[in-house]
Protein backbone atom coordinates (compact mmCIF):
# COMPACT_ATOMS: atom_id res chain seq x y z
CA MET A 1 0.00 0.00 0.00
CA ARG A 2 1.49 3.34 -1.07
CA PRO A 3 1.32 6.31 1.34
CA GLN A 4 -0.90 9.21 0.36
CA ARG A 5 0.43 11.84 -2.00
CA THR A 6 2.13 14.75 -0.32
CA GLN A 7 0.40 17.54 -2.23
CA ARG A 8 -2.91 17.17 -0.40
CA PRO A 9 -2.97 17.32 3.37
CA ASP A 10 -4.90 14.74 5.37
CA ARG A 11 -7.71 16.22 7.38
CA VAL A 12 -8.69 13.93 10.19
CA PRO A 13 -10.27 15.23 13.41
CA ARG A 14 -7.77 14.92 16.25
CA THR A 15 -7.06 16.46 19.60
CA ARG A 16 -6.05 20.09 19.16
CA ARG A 17 -2.41 20.82 20.07
CA PRO A 18 -0.99 24.20 21.05
CA ARG A 19 1.83 24.06 18.44
CA PRO A 20 2.46 22.33 15.14
CA VAL A 21 4.65 19.22 15.23
CA LEU A 22 7.40 18.32 12.76
CA VAL A 23 7.65 14.53 12.76
CA TYR A 24 10.82 12.89 11.44
CA ASP A 25 12.61 9.53 11.43
CA GLY A 26 14.70 9.50 14.60
CA ASP A 27 16.53 6.32 13.56
CA CYS A 28 17.91 7.97 10.43
CA GLY A 29 21.19 9.80 10.92
CA PHE A 30 20.62 12.02 7.87
CA CYS A 31 17.12 12.98 9.06
CA THR A 32 18.36 13.69 12.57
CA ALA A 33 21.21 15.85 11.24
CA SER A 34 18.77 17.74 9.01
CA VAL A 35 16.40 18.40 11.90
CA THR A 36 19.29 19.50 14.14
CA PHE A 37 20.42 21.94 11.45
CA ALA A 38 16.88 23.28 11.08
CA GLN A 39 16.47 23.75 14.83
CA ARG A 40 19.77 25.64 15.11
CA HIS A 41 19.60 27.77 11.98
CA VAL A 42 16.01 27.94 10.69
CA ARG A 43 14.25 27.76 14.06
CA PRO A 44 10.78 26.63 12.99
CA ARG A 45 8.03 27.46 15.47
CA CYS A 46 6.97 23.91 16.26
CA ASP A 47 7.72 20.88 18.34
CA VAL A 48 10.19 18.55 16.59
CA LEU A 49 9.73 14.89 17.46
CA PRO A 50 10.85 11.53 16.08
CA TRP A 51 7.95 9.37 14.99
CA GLN A 52 9.32 6.51 17.08
CA SER A 53 8.42 8.43 20.27
CA LEU A 54 4.85 9.31 19.25
CA PRO A 55 1.51 7.57 19.52
CA LEU A 56 1.07 7.93 15.75
CA ASP A 57 -2.63 7.12 15.75
CA GLU A 58 -3.25 10.18 17.95
CA TYR A 59 -1.61 12.28 15.23
CA GLY A 60 -3.63 10.61 12.47
CA VAL A 61 -0.49 9.14 10.93
CA THR A 62 0.42 5.57 10.04
CA GLN A 63 3.87 4.13 10.67
CA GLU A 64 4.17 3.50 6.93
CA ARG A 65 3.69 7.18 6.15
CA ALA A 66 6.02 8.30 8.96
CA GLU A 67 8.75 6.02 7.55
CA TYR A 68 8.13 7.39 4.04
CA GLU A 69 8.39 11.15 4.67
CA ALA A 70 8.73 13.95 7.22
CA LEU A 71 5.36 15.24 8.41
CA TRP A 72 3.98 18.57 9.60
CA VAL A 73 0.94 18.20 11.86
CA THR A 74 -0.96 21.43 12.51
CA PRO A 75 -2.63 22.18 15.85
CA ALA A 76 -5.97 21.38 14.19
CA GLY A 77 -4.64 18.00 13.02
CA THR A 78 -4.02 18.63 9.31
CA VAL A 79 -1.04 16.58 8.11
CA TYR A 80 1.34 17.71 5.37
CA GLY A 81 4.06 15.41 4.12
CA GLY A 82 7.41 15.56 2.39
CA ALA A 83 8.31 18.83 0.68
CA GLN A 84 5.12 20.46 1.93
CA ALA A 85 6.12 19.63 5.51
CA VAL A 86 9.45 21.36 4.82
CA ALA A 87 7.58 24.35 3.36
CA LYS A 88 5.39 24.63 6.47
CA ALA A 89 8.47 24.49 8.72
CA LEU A 90 10.14 27.27 6.71
CA LEU A 91 6.99 29.39 6.77
CA SER A 92 6.66 28.95 10.53
CA ALA A 93 10.21 30.25 11.06
CA GLY A 94 9.30 33.60 9.53
CA GLY A 95 11.84 36.17 8.42
CA PRO A 96 13.93 35.30 5.38
CA TRP A 97 12.81 31.64 5.54
CA SER A 98 9.24 32.62 4.64
CA LEU A 99 10.07 33.32 1.00
CA PRO A 100 11.45 29.86 0.16
CA GLY A 101 8.67 28.33 2.29
CA ALA A 102 6.02 30.20 0.31
CA LEU A 103 7.63 29.36 -3.03
CA LEU A 104 7.63 25.65 -2.17
CA THR A 105 3.83 25.76 -1.92
CA LEU A 106 3.33 27.17 -5.44
CA PRO A 107 3.49 25.39 -8.78
CA PRO A 108 5.92 24.81 -10.47
CA PHE A 109 8.18 25.11 -7.39
CA ARG A 110 5.94 22.68 -5.48
CA TRP A 111 6.36 20.07 -8.22
CA ALA A 112 10.13 20.50 -8.30
CA ALA A 113 10.29 20.38 -4.49
CA HIS A 114 8.28 17.17 -4.43
CA ALA A 115 10.62 15.54 -6.98
CA ALA A 116 13.72 16.75 -5.11
CA TYR A 117 12.32 15.57 -1.76
CA ARG A 118 11.59 12.08 -3.15
CA LEU A 119 15.06 11.88 -4.72
CA VAL A 120 16.73 12.75 -1.41
CA ALA A 121 14.39 10.59 0.69
CA GLU A 122 14.86 7.54 -1.49
CA ASN A 123 18.65 7.96 -1.42
CA ARG A 124 19.14 9.17 2.17
CA HIS A 125 20.95 5.95 3.07
CA ARG A 126 23.71 7.07 0.67
CA LEU A 127 24.12 10.56 2.14
CA PRO A 128 26.61 11.72 4.82
CA GLY A 129 25.61 10.77 8.35
CA SER A 130 23.33 8.00 7.19
CA THR A 131 23.00 4.53 8.64
CA ALA A 132 21.30 1.33 7.49
CA ALA A 133 18.16 2.62 9.25
CA CYS A 134 18.04 5.50 6.76
CA ALA A 135 16.81 3.32 3.89
CA VAL A 136 13.22 4.13 2.98
CA PRO A 137 11.15 0.96 3.10
CA PRO A 138 10.12 -0.23 -0.39
CA ARG A 139 6.65 0.80 -1.49
CA ARG A 140 4.09 -1.94 -1.25
CA SER A 141 1.98 -2.61 -4.28
CA GLY A 142 -1.66 -2.16 -3.54
CA ASN A 143 -4.63 0.14 -3.62
CA ARG A 144 -2.95 3.54 -3.78
């Protein structure tokens, strides 16, 4: 079963949270390094948590999707994935980060960002700081 496309956010009623949450793969060295860089330099206004430490069902997220891409969960429970999660993080940081964040939400930048995100995500096990845990699980054939 293939995870949902990243262009459209999931809208599932959930408990309202005070801040958005950026969910990432805490077992992946590349993902952890990327999140650490973002926290130090971009400073998104959100909680940043590895999916392994979350009750994913309370966030309306499956483990398969959390393994597949970074996620941005709004306080209202809307879930954005992949490049759109990155765009939301940049937008939340404000200042000079808002411009690239805004551009990533607009075609054709959104399309290019999606392709670039998938290229990096599917090859993250080959990037500096990666471990065997960085490999994205193969997509299952199925309904989606």
